[in-house]
Amino acid sequence: DVLELTDLTYKADAEVNSLSRGMQQRLSVARVLLHDPKVLL
């Protein structure tokens, strides 16, 4: 679900350190959405 929300589904099998800066930032957002927090900092 978080991969779909952040539009990273097509990068599911890519290495993290191979991602562009923009994709890494979206992955960072995906990470913090896993537990469905109320507040994003």
PDB file of all heavy atoms in Angstrom:
ATOM      1  N   ASP A   1       0.820  -1.217   0.000  1.00  0.00           N
ATOM      2  CA  ASP A   1       0.000   0.000   0.000  1.00  0.00           C
ATOM      3  C   ASP A   1       0.850   1.262   0.000  1.00  0.00           C
ATOM      4  O   ASP A   1       0.554   2.219  -0.734  1.00  0.00           O
ATOM      5  CB  ASP A   1      -0.936   0.005   1.212  1.00  0.00           C
ATOM      6  CG  ASP A   1      -2.062  -1.017   1.091  1.00  0.00           C
ATOM      7  OD1 ASP A   1      -2.278  -1.527  -0.024  1.00  0.00           O
ATOM      8  OD2 ASP A   1      -2.710  -1.306   2.117  1.00  0.00           O
ATOM      9  N   VAL A   2       1.927   1.297   0.813  1.00  0.00           N
ATOM     10  CA  VAL A   2       2.737   2.518   0.871  1.00  0.00           C
ATOM     11  C   VAL A   2       3.558   2.684  -0.406  1.00  0.00           C
ATOM     12  O   VAL A   2       3.829   3.809  -0.835  1.00  0.00           O
ATOM     13  CB  VAL A   2       3.637   2.555   2.126  1.00  0.00           C
ATOM     14  CG1 VAL A   2       2.798   2.566   3.393  1.00  0.00           C
ATOM     15  CG2 VAL A   2       4.660   1.440   2.139  1.00  0.00           C
ATOM     16  N   LEU A   3       3.949   1.579  -1.027  1.00  0.00           N
ATOM     17  CA  LEU A   3       4.645   1.675  -2.312  1.00  0.00           C
ATOM     18  C   LEU A   3       3.722   2.276  -3.369  1.00  0.00           C
ATOM     19  O   LEU A   3       4.132   3.113  -4.171  1.00  0.00           O
ATOM     20  CB  LEU A   3       5.124   0.296  -2.765  1.00  0.00           C
ATOM     21  CG  LEU A   3       6.366  -0.275  -2.078  1.00  0.00           C
ATOM     22  CD1 LEU A   3       6.599  -1.712  -2.520  1.00  0.00           C
ATOM     23  CD2 LEU A   3       7.589   0.582  -2.384  1.00  0.00           C
ATOM     24  N   GLU A   4       2.451   1.871  -3.337  1.00  0.00           N
ATOM     25  CA  GLU A   4       1.490   2.402  -4.301  1.00  0.00           C
ATOM     26  C   GLU A   4       1.217   3.882  -4.028  1.00  0.00           C
ATOM     27  O   GLU A   4       1.162   4.687  -4.956  1.00  0.00           O
ATOM     28  CB  GLU A   4       0.189   1.602  -4.225  1.00  0.00           C
ATOM     29  CG  GLU A   4      -0.848   2.035  -5.248  1.00  0.00           C
ATOM     30  CD  GLU A   4      -2.097   1.163  -5.205  1.00  0.00           C
ATOM     31  OE1 GLU A   4      -2.060   0.099  -4.547  1.00  0.00           O
ATOM     32  OE2 GLU A   4      -3.102   1.543  -5.825  1.00  0.00           O
ATOM     33  N   LEU A   5       1.065   4.234  -2.761  1.00  0.00           N
ATOM     34  CA  LEU A   5       0.783   5.621  -2.404  1.00  0.00           C
ATOM     35  C   LEU A   5       1.911   6.550  -2.824  1.00  0.00           C
ATOM     36  O   LEU A   5       1.675   7.670  -3.290  1.00  0.00           O
ATOM     37  CB  LEU A   5       0.547   5.732  -0.890  1.00  0.00           C
ATOM     38  CG  LEU A   5       0.292   7.132  -0.334  1.00  0.00           C
ATOM     39  CD1 LEU A   5      -0.971   7.740  -0.937  1.00  0.00           C
ATOM     40  CD2 LEU A   5       0.185   7.095   1.187  1.00  0.00           C
ATOM     41  N   THR A   6       3.145   6.098  -2.674  1.00  0.00           N
ATOM     42  CA  THR A   6       4.307   6.935  -3.003  1.00  0.00           C
ATOM     43  C   THR A   6       4.807   6.711  -4.431  1.00  0.00           C
ATOM     44  O   THR A   6       5.857   7.231  -4.812  1.00  0.00           O
ATOM     45  CB  THR A   6       5.456   6.665  -2.014  1.00  0.00           C
ATOM     46  OG1 THR A   6       5.752   5.266  -1.999  1.00  0.00           O
ATOM     47  CG2 THR A   6       5.073   7.124  -0.611  1.00  0.00           C
ATOM     48  N   ASP A   7       4.052   5.934  -5.217  1.00  0.00           N
ATOM     49  CA  ASP A   7       4.364   5.686  -6.627  1.00  0.00           C
ATOM     50  C   ASP A   7       5.751   5.056  -6.788  1.00  0.00           C
ATOM     51  O   ASP A   7       6.546   5.466  -7.639  1.00  0.00           O
ATOM     52  CB  ASP A   7       4.267   6.989  -7.434  1.00  0.00           C
ATOM     53  CG  ASP A   7       4.202   6.733  -8.936  1.00  0.00           C
ATOM     54  OD1 ASP A   7       3.790   5.622  -9.320  1.00  0.00           O
ATOM     55  OD2 ASP A   7       4.584   7.625  -9.715  1.00  0.00           O
ATOM     56  N   LEU A   8       6.036   4.051  -5.959  1.00  0.00           N
ATOM     57  CA  LEU A   8       7.327   3.359  -6.028  1.00  0.00           C
ATOM     58  C   LEU A   8       7.170   1.865  -6.303  1.00  0.00           C
ATOM     59  O   LEU A   8       8.139   1.117  -6.178  1.00  0.00           O
ATOM     60  CB  LEU A   8       8.095   3.560  -4.710  1.00  0.00           C
ATOM     61  CG  LEU A   8       8.715   4.938  -4.477  1.00  0.00           C
ATOM     62  CD1 LEU A   8       9.270   5.028  -3.062  1.00  0.00           C
ATOM     63  CD2 LEU A   8       9.813   5.220  -5.489  1.00  0.00           C
ATOM     64  N   THR A   9       5.973   1.443  -6.671  1.00  0.00           N
ATOM     65  CA  THR A   9       5.741   0.018  -6.888  1.00  0.00           C
ATOM     66  C   THR A   9       6.703  -0.558  -7.922  1.00  0.00           C
ATOM     67  O   THR A   9       7.229  -1.674  -7.756  1.00  0.00           O
ATOM     68  CB  THR A   9       4.290  -0.211  -7.333  1.00  0.00           C
ATOM     69  OG1 THR A   9       3.399   0.302  -6.331  1.00  0.00           O
ATOM     70  CG2 THR A   9       4.011  -1.693  -7.535  1.00  0.00           C
ATOM     71  N   TYR A  10       6.971   0.207  -8.972  1.00  0.00           N
ATOM     72  CA  TYR A  10       7.843  -0.307 -10.030  1.00  0.00           C
ATOM     73  C   TYR A  10       9.307  -0.370  -9.611  1.00  0.00           C
ATOM     74  O   TYR A  10      10.150  -0.925 -10.327  1.00  0.00           O
ATOM     75  CB  TYR A  10       7.701   0.552 -11.296  1.00  0.00           C
ATOM     76  CG  TYR A  10       8.297   1.936 -11.203  1.00  0.00           C
ATOM     77  CD1 TYR A  10       9.476   2.241 -11.880  1.00  0.00           C
ATOM     78  CD2 TYR A  10       7.688   2.935 -10.457  1.00  0.00           C
ATOM     79  CE1 TYR A  10      10.030   3.503 -11.805  1.00  0.00           C
ATOM     80  CE2 TYR A  10       8.227   4.204 -10.383  1.00  0.00           C
ATOM     81  CZ  TYR A  10       9.401   4.483 -11.058  1.00  0.00           C
ATOM     82  OH  TYR A  10       9.941   5.745 -10.976  1.00  0.00           O
ATOM     83  N   LYS A  11       9.626   0.180  -8.424  1.00  0.00           N
ATOM     84  CA  LYS A  11      10.993   0.121  -7.900  1.00  0.00           C
ATOM     85  C   LYS A  11      11.097  -0.836  -6.709  1.00  0.00           C
ATOM     86  O   LYS A  11      12.087  -0.803  -5.980  1.00  0.00           O
ATOM     87  CB  LYS A  11      11.445   1.520  -7.462  1.00  0.00           C
ATOM     88  CG  LYS A  11      11.713   2.471  -8.627  1.00  0.00           C
ATOM     89  CD  LYS A  11      12.965   2.062  -9.384  1.00  0.00           C
ATOM     90  CE  LYS A  11      13.326   3.059 -10.467  1.00  0.00           C
ATOM     91  NZ  LYS A  11      14.552   2.658 -11.207  1.00  0.00           N
ATOM     92  N   ALA A  12      10.108  -1.706  -6.552  1.00  0.00           N
ATOM     93  CA  ALA A  12      10.066  -2.578  -5.372  1.00  0.00           C
ATOM     94  C   ALA A  12      11.296  -3.460  -5.249  1.00  0.00           C
ATOM     95  O   ALA A  12      11.737  -3.777  -4.135  1.00  0.00           O
ATOM     96  CB  ALA A  12       8.805  -3.439  -5.406  1.00  0.00           C
ATOM     97  N   ASP A  13      11.880  -3.865  -6.357  1.00  0.00           N
ATOM     98  CA  ASP A  13      13.036  -4.780  -6.320  1.00  0.00           C
ATOM     99  C   ASP A  13      14.371  -4.079  -6.589  1.00  0.00           C
ATOM    100  O   ASP A  13      15.395  -4.739  -6.753  1.00  0.00           O
ATOM    101  CB  ASP A  13      12.835  -5.898  -7.346  1.00  0.00           C
ATOM    102  CG  ASP A  13      11.618  -6.762  -7.029  1.00  0.00           C
ATOM    103  OD1 ASP A  13      11.384  -7.019  -5.833  1.00  0.00           O
ATOM    104  OD2 ASP A  13      10.896  -7.153  -7.970  1.00  0.00           O
ATOM    105  N   ALA A  14      14.350  -2.762  -6.632  1.00  0.00           N
ATOM    106  CA  ALA A  14      15.583  -2.006  -6.862  1.00  0.00           C
ATOM    107  C   ALA A  14      16.349  -1.825  -5.555  1.00  0.00           C
ATOM    108  O   ALA A  14      15.757  -1.772  -4.469  1.00  0.00           O
ATOM    109  CB  ALA A  14      15.260  -0.651  -7.470  1.00  0.00           C
ATOM    110  N   GLU A  15      17.673  -1.739  -5.647  1.00  0.00           N
ATOM    111  CA  GLU A  15      18.470  -1.471  -4.450  1.00  0.00           C
ATOM    112  C   GLU A  15      18.250  -0.030  -4.002  1.00  0.00           C
ATOM    113  O   GLU A  15      18.165   0.886  -4.819  1.00  0.00           O
ATOM    114  CB  GLU A  15      19.951  -1.705  -4.727  1.00  0.00           C
ATOM    115  CG  GLU A  15      20.312  -3.169  -4.894  1.00  0.00           C
ATOM    116  CD  GLU A  15      21.823  -3.387  -4.891  1.00  0.00           C
ATOM    117  OE1 GLU A  15      22.574  -2.402  -4.732  1.00  0.00           O
ATOM    118  OE2 GLU A  15      22.242  -4.550  -5.042  1.00  0.00           O
ATOM    119  N   VAL A  16      18.171   0.155  -2.702  1.00  0.00           N
ATOM    120  CA  VAL A  16      17.890   1.479  -2.147  1.00  0.00           C
ATOM    121  C   VAL A  16      18.932   2.498  -2.585  1.00  0.00           C
ATOM    122  O   VAL A  16      18.606   3.617  -2.984  1.00  0.00           O
ATOM    123  CB  VAL A  16      17.825   1.400  -0.609  1.00  0.00           C
ATOM    124  CG1 VAL A  16      17.727   2.801  -0.012  1.00  0.00           C
ATOM    125  CG2 VAL A  16      16.645   0.553  -0.173  1.00  0.00           C
ATOM    126  N   ASN A  17      20.223   2.106  -2.532  1.00  0.00           N
ATOM    127  CA  ASN A  17      21.256   3.087  -2.865  1.00  0.00           C
ATOM    128  C   ASN A  17      21.414   3.297  -4.367  1.00  0.00           C
ATOM    129  O   ASN A  17      22.269   4.074  -4.794  1.00  0.00           O
ATOM    130  CB  ASN A  17      22.596   2.709  -2.226  1.00  0.00           C
ATOM    131  CG  ASN A  17      23.064   1.326  -2.637  1.00  0.00           C
ATOM    132  OD1 ASN A  17      22.392   0.653  -3.410  1.00  0.00           O
ATOM    133  ND2 ASN A  17      24.197   0.900  -2.107  1.00  0.00           N
ATOM    134  N   SER A  18      20.570   2.639  -5.169  1.00  0.00           N
ATOM    135  CA  SER A  18      20.579   2.909  -6.611  1.00  0.00           C
ATOM    136  C   SER A  18      19.508   3.922  -7.006  1.00  0.00           C
ATOM    137  O   SER A  18      19.464   4.367  -8.154  1.00  0.00           O
ATOM    138  CB  SER A  18      20.353   1.603  -7.390  1.00  0.00           C
ATOM    139  OG  SER A  18      19.002   1.178  -7.302  1.00  0.00           O
ATOM    140  N   LEU A  19      18.648   4.274  -6.064  1.00  0.00           N
ATOM    141  CA  LEU A  19      17.550   5.193  -6.361  1.00  0.00           C
ATOM    142  C   LEU A  19      18.052   6.626  -6.504  1.00  0.00           C
ATOM    143  O   LEU A  19      19.054   7.019  -5.890  1.00  0.00           O
ATOM    144  CB  LEU A  19      16.501   5.145  -5.243  1.00  0.00           C
ATOM    145  CG  LEU A  19      15.810   3.806  -4.983  1.00  0.00           C
ATOM    146  CD1 LEU A  19      14.838   3.951  -3.828  1.00  0.00           C
ATOM    147  CD2 LEU A  19      15.113   3.287  -6.223  1.00  0.00           C
ATOM    148  N   SER A  20      17.338   7.394  -7.297  1.00  0.00           N
ATOM    149  CA  SER A  20      17.642   8.819  -7.405  1.00  0.00           C
ATOM    150  C   SER A  20      17.307   9.510  -6.097  1.00  0.00           C
ATOM    151  O   SER A  20      16.626   8.945  -5.220  1.00  0.00           O
ATOM    152  CB  SER A  20      16.824   9.452  -8.532  1.00  0.00           C
ATOM    153  OG  SER A  20      15.443   9.454  -8.200  1.00  0.00           O
ATOM    154  N   ARG A  21      17.790  10.747  -5.960  1.00  0.00           N
ATOM    155  CA  ARG A  21      17.518  11.509  -4.737  1.00  0.00           C
ATOM    156  C   ARG A  21      16.010  11.664  -4.503  1.00  0.00           C
ATOM    157  O   ARG A  21      15.520  11.500  -3.390  1.00  0.00           O
ATOM    158  CB  ARG A  21      18.181  12.890  -4.864  1.00  0.00           C
ATOM    159  CG  ARG A  21      17.736  13.930  -3.854  1.00  0.00           C
ATOM    160  CD  ARG A  21      18.433  13.773  -2.545  1.00  0.00           C
ATOM    161  NE  ARG A  21      18.176  14.924  -1.702  1.00  0.00           N
ATOM    162  CZ  ARG A  21      17.827  14.852  -0.432  1.00  0.00           C
ATOM    163  NH1 ARG A  21      17.691  13.686   0.151  1.00  0.00           N
ATOM    164  NH2 ARG A  21      17.619  15.939   0.286  1.00  0.00           N
ATOM    165  N   GLY A  22      15.258  11.961  -5.557  1.00  0.00           N
ATOM    166  CA  GLY A  22      13.824  12.125  -5.414  1.00  0.00           C
ATOM    167  C   GLY A  22      13.135  10.846  -4.981  1.00  0.00           C
ATOM    168  O   GLY A  22      12.231  10.860  -4.127  1.00  0.00           O
ATOM    169  N   MET A  23      13.547   9.714  -5.556  1.00  0.00           N
ATOM    170  CA  MET A  23      12.950   8.430  -5.184  1.00  0.00           C
ATOM    171  C   MET A  23      13.316   8.048  -3.751  1.00  0.00           C
ATOM    172  O   MET A  23      12.508   7.470  -3.023  1.00  0.00           O
ATOM    173  CB  MET A  23      13.386   7.342  -6.160  1.00  0.00           C
ATOM    174  CG  MET A  23      12.785   7.478  -7.542  1.00  0.00           C
ATOM    175  SD  MET A  23      13.341   6.159  -8.641  1.00  0.00           S
ATOM    176  CE  MET A  23      12.535   6.646 -10.177  1.00  0.00           C
ATOM    177  N   GLN A  24      14.532   8.364  -3.339  1.00  0.00           N
ATOM    178  CA  GLN A  24      14.925   8.080  -1.960  1.00  0.00           C
ATOM    179  C   GLN A  24      14.076   8.885  -0.977  1.00  0.00           C
ATOM    180  O   GLN A  24      13.700   8.382   0.087  1.00  0.00           O
ATOM    181  CB  GLN A  24      16.405   8.376  -1.746  1.00  0.00           C
ATOM    182  CG  GLN A  24      17.337   7.344  -2.359  1.00  0.00           C
ATOM    183  CD  GLN A  24      18.777   7.522  -1.902  1.00  0.00           C
ATOM    184  OE1 GLN A  24      19.109   8.461  -1.189  1.00  0.00           O
ATOM    185  NE2 GLN A  24      19.638   6.609  -2.324  1.00  0.00           N
ATOM    186  N   GLN A  25      13.754  10.134  -1.331  1.00  0.00           N
ATOM    187  CA  GLN A  25      12.911  10.938  -0.460  1.00  0.00           C
ATOM    188  C   GLN A  25      11.504  10.358  -0.387  1.00  0.00           C
ATOM    189  O   GLN A  25      10.886  10.335   0.677  1.00  0.00           O
ATOM    190  CB  GLN A  25      12.869  12.388  -0.939  1.00  0.00           C
ATOM    191  CG  GLN A  25      14.132  13.181  -0.616  1.00  0.00           C
ATOM    192  CD  GLN A  25      14.382  13.265   0.882  1.00  0.00           C
ATOM    193  OE1 GLN A  25      15.000  12.382   1.477  1.00  0.00           O
ATOM    194  NE2 GLN A  25      13.901  14.326   1.500  1.00  0.00           N
ATOM    195  N   ARG A  26      10.988   9.884  -1.530  1.00  0.00           N
ATOM    196  CA  ARG A  26       9.657   9.275  -1.498  1.00  0.00           C
ATOM    197  C   ARG A  26       9.687   7.969  -0.690  1.00  0.00           C
ATOM    198  O   ARG A  26       8.728   7.643   0.010  1.00  0.00           O
ATOM    199  CB  ARG A  26       9.171   9.005  -2.922  1.00  0.00           C
ATOM    200  CG  ARG A  26       8.563  10.248  -3.573  1.00  0.00           C
ATOM    201  CD  ARG A  26       7.886   9.905  -4.877  1.00  0.00           C
ATOM    202  NE  ARG A  26       8.847   9.787  -5.966  1.00  0.00           N
ATOM    203  CZ  ARG A  26       8.665   9.029  -7.030  1.00  0.00           C
ATOM    204  NH1 ARG A  26       7.589   8.274  -7.137  1.00  0.00           N
ATOM    205  NH2 ARG A  26       9.571   8.994  -7.992  1.00  0.00           N
ATOM    206  N   LEU A  27      10.790   7.221  -0.792  1.00  0.00           N
ATOM    207  CA  LEU A  27      10.928   6.006   0.007  1.00  0.00           C
ATOM    208  C   LEU A  27      10.984   6.343   1.496  1.00  0.00           C
ATOM    209  O   LEU A  27      10.426   5.622   2.331  1.00  0.00           O
ATOM    210  CB  LEU A  27      12.177   5.243  -0.410  1.00  0.00           C
ATOM    211  CG  LEU A  27      12.464   3.946   0.344  1.00  0.00           C
ATOM    212  CD1 LEU A  27      11.311   2.955   0.188  1.00  0.00           C
ATOM    213  CD2 LEU A  27      13.775   3.325  -0.134  1.00  0.00           C
ATOM    214  N   SER A  28      11.634   7.445   1.823  1.00  0.00           N
ATOM    215  CA  SER A  28      11.691   7.881   3.214  1.00  0.00           C
ATOM    216  C   SER A  28      10.289   8.203   3.734  1.00  0.00           C
ATOM    217  O   SER A  28       9.952   7.899   4.886  1.00  0.00           O
ATOM    218  CB  SER A  28      12.608   9.102   3.341  1.00  0.00           C
ATOM    219  OG  SER A  28      12.881   9.394   4.694  1.00  0.00           O
ATOM    220  N   VAL A  29       9.458   8.814   2.884  1.00  0.00           N
ATOM    221  CA  VAL A  29       8.068   9.082   3.265  1.00  0.00           C
ATOM    222  C   VAL A  29       7.309   7.765   3.407  1.00  0.00           C
ATOM    223  O   VAL A  29       6.528   7.576   4.349  1.00  0.00           O
ATOM    224  CB  VAL A  29       7.387  10.000   2.225  1.00  0.00           C
ATOM    225  CG1 VAL A  29       5.902  10.170   2.561  1.00  0.00           C
ATOM    226  CG2 VAL A  29       8.069  11.354   2.188  1.00  0.00           C
ATOM    227  N   ALA A  30       7.532   6.830   2.461  1.00  0.00           N
ATOM    228  CA  ALA A  30       6.868   5.524   2.545  1.00  0.00           C
ATOM    229  C   ALA A  30       7.195   4.834   3.864  1.00  0.00           C
ATOM    230  O   ALA A  30       6.330   4.216   4.499  1.00  0.00           O
ATOM    231  CB  ALA A  30       7.289   4.652   1.361  1.00  0.00           C
ATOM    232  N   ARG A  31       8.448   4.942   4.271  1.00  0.00           N
ATOM    233  CA  ARG A  31       8.869   4.303   5.530  1.00  0.00           C
ATOM    234  C   ARG A  31       8.064   4.810   6.717  1.00  0.00           C
ATOM    235  O   ARG A  31       7.617   4.023   7.561  1.00  0.00           O
ATOM    236  CB  ARG A  31      10.366   4.560   5.760  1.00  0.00           C
ATOM    237  CG  ARG A  31      10.871   4.140   7.130  1.00  0.00           C
ATOM    238  CD  ARG A  31      12.329   4.475   7.298  1.00  0.00           C
ATOM    239  NE  ARG A  31      12.624   5.883   7.116  1.00  0.00           N
ATOM    240  CZ  ARG A  31      12.411   6.821   8.028  1.00  0.00           C
ATOM    241  NH1 ARG A  31      11.884   6.505   9.212  1.00  0.00           N
ATOM    242  NH2 ARG A  31      12.716   8.087   7.778  1.00  0.00           N
ATOM    243  N   VAL A  32       7.877   6.130   6.805  1.00  0.00           N
ATOM    244  CA  VAL A  32       7.198   6.676   7.985  1.00  0.00           C
ATOM    245  C   VAL A  32       5.687   6.510   7.913  1.00  0.00           C
ATOM    246  O   VAL A  32       4.994   6.758   8.906  1.00  0.00           O
ATOM    247  CB  VAL A  32       7.555   8.166   8.202  1.00  0.00           C
ATOM    248  CG1 VAL A  32       9.049   8.347   8.361  1.00  0.00           C
ATOM    249  CG2 VAL A  32       7.021   9.038   7.085  1.00  0.00           C
ATOM    250  N   LEU A  33       5.169   6.097   6.752  1.00  0.00           N
ATOM    251  CA  LEU A  33       3.728   5.861   6.644  1.00  0.00           C
ATOM    252  C   LEU A  33       3.331   4.438   7.014  1.00  0.00           C
ATOM    253  O   LEU A  33       2.138   4.139   7.122  1.00  0.00           O
ATOM    254  CB  LEU A  33       3.268   6.165   5.211  1.00  0.00           C
ATOM    255  CG  LEU A  33       3.345   7.614   4.759  1.00  0.00           C
ATOM    256  CD1 LEU A  33       2.937   7.739   3.298  1.00  0.00           C
ATOM    257  CD2 LEU A  33       2.468   8.507   5.633  1.00  0.00           C
ATOM    258  N   LEU A  34       4.315   3.565   7.221  1.00  0.00           N
ATOM    259  CA  LEU A  34       4.021   2.154   7.483  1.00  0.00           C
ATOM    260  C   LEU A  34       3.109   1.972   8.691  1.00  0.00           C
ATOM    261  O   LEU A  34       2.207   1.130   8.677  1.00  0.00           O
ATOM    262  CB  LEU A  34       5.327   1.380   7.695  1.00  0.00           C
ATOM    263  CG  LEU A  34       6.195   1.164   6.449  1.00  0.00           C
ATOM    264  CD1 LEU A  34       7.591   0.704   6.856  1.00  0.00           C
ATOM    265  CD2 LEU A  34       5.545   0.146   5.509  1.00  0.00           C
ATOM    266  N   HIS A  35       3.322   2.756   9.735  1.00  0.00           N
ATOM    267  CA  HIS A  35       2.526   2.596  10.954  1.00  0.00           C
ATOM    268  C   HIS A  35       1.383   3.604  11.041  1.00  0.00           C
ATOM    269  O   HIS A  35       0.774   3.768  12.099  1.00  0.00           O
ATOM    270  CB  HIS A  35       3.426   2.697  12.193  1.00  0.00           C
ATOM    271  CG  HIS A  35       4.092   4.036  12.365  1.00  0.00           C
ATOM    272  ND1 HIS A  35       4.976   4.552  11.446  1.00  0.00           N
ATOM    273  CD2 HIS A  35       3.985   4.969  13.346  1.00  0.00           C
ATOM    274  CE1 HIS A  35       5.395   5.739  11.871  1.00  0.00           C
ATOM    275  NE2 HIS A  35       4.805   6.011  13.013  1.00  0.00           N
ATOM    276  N   ASP A  36       1.090   4.283   9.909  1.00  0.00           N
ATOM    277  CA  ASP A  36      -0.047   5.203   9.803  1.00  0.00           C
ATOM    278  C   ASP A  36      -0.034   6.259  10.907  1.00  0.00           C
ATOM    279  O   ASP A  36      -0.975   6.370  11.699  1.00  0.00           O
ATOM    280  CB  ASP A  36      -1.361   4.418   9.846  1.00  0.00           C
ATOM    281  CG  ASP A  36      -2.557   5.273   9.416  1.00  0.00           C
ATOM    282  OD1 ASP A  36      -2.351   6.266   8.694  1.00  0.00           O
ATOM    283  OD2 ASP A  36      -3.691   4.942   9.817  1.00  0.00           O
ATOM    284  N   PRO A  37       1.030   7.082  10.977  1.00  0.00           N
ATOM    285  CA  PRO A  37       1.114   8.081  12.041  1.00  0.00           C
ATOM    286  C   PRO A  37       0.129   9.230  11.826  1.00  0.00           C
ATOM    287  O   PRO A  37      -0.299   9.502  10.701  1.00  0.00           O
ATOM    288  CB  PRO A  37       2.560   8.574  11.936  1.00  0.00           C
ATOM    289  CG  PRO A  37       2.883   8.416  10.485  1.00  0.00           C
ATOM    290  CD  PRO A  37       2.168   7.167  10.045  1.00  0.00           C
ATOM    291  N   LYS A  38      -0.219   9.909  12.905  1.00  0.00           N
ATOM    292  CA  LYS A  38      -1.090  11.081  12.811  1.00  0.00           C
ATOM    293  C   LYS A  38      -0.327  12.322  12.383  1.00  0.00           C
ATOM    294  O   LYS A  38      -0.880  13.220  11.747  1.00  0.00           O
ATOM    295  CB  LYS A  38      -1.748  11.354  14.174  1.00  0.00           C
ATOM    296  CG  LYS A  38      -2.763  10.333  14.612  1.00  0.00           C
ATOM    297  CD  LYS A  38      -3.406  10.768  15.929  1.00  0.00           C
ATOM    298  CE  LYS A  38      -4.500   9.805  16.360  1.00  0.00           C
ATOM    299  NZ  LYS A  38      -5.138  10.250  17.635  1.00  0.00           N
ATOM    300  N   VAL A  39       0.973  12.373  12.749  1.00  0.00           N
ATOM    301  CA  VAL A  39       1.778  13.580  12.548  1.00  0.00           C
ATOM    302  C   VAL A  39       2.999  13.247  11.701  1.00  0.00           C
ATOM    303  O   VAL A  39       3.694  12.253  11.963  1.00  0.00           O
ATOM    304  CB  VAL A  39       2.240  14.174  13.899  1.00  0.00           C
ATOM    305  CG1 VAL A  39       3.131  15.395  13.691  1.00  0.00           C
ATOM    306  CG2 VAL A  39       1.028  14.541  14.756  1.00  0.00           C
ATOM    307  N   LEU A  40       3.274  14.073  10.696  1.00  0.00           N
ATOM    308  CA  LEU A  40       4.479  13.929   9.883  1.00  0.00           C
ATOM    309  C   LEU A  40       5.376  15.137  10.122  1.00  0.00           C
ATOM    310  O   LEU A  40       4.933  16.285   9.988  1.00  0.00           O
ATOM    311  CB  LEU A  40       4.121  13.830   8.403  1.00  0.00           C
ATOM    312  CG  LEU A  40       3.306  12.604   7.983  1.00  0.00           C
ATOM    313  CD1 LEU A  40       2.969  12.674   6.499  1.00  0.00           C
ATOM    314  CD2 LEU A  40       4.048  11.316   8.303  1.00  0.00           C
ATOM    315  N   LEU A  41       6.620  14.881  10.481  1.00  0.00           N
ATOM    316  CA  LEU A  41       7.621  15.915  10.710  1.00  0.00           C
ATOM    317  C   LEU A  41       8.639  15.807   9.583  1.00  0.00           C
ATOM    318  O   LEU A  41       9.389  14.834   9.525  1.00  0.00           O
ATOM    319  CB  LEU A  41       8.290  15.722  12.072  1.00  0.00           C
ATOM    320  CG  LEU A  41       7.347  15.631  13.276  1.00  0.00           C
ATOM    321  CD1 LEU A  41       8.104  15.217  14.526  1.00  0.00           C
ATOM    322  CD2 LEU A  41       6.627  16.956  13.499  1.00  0.00           C
TER     323      LEU A  41
END
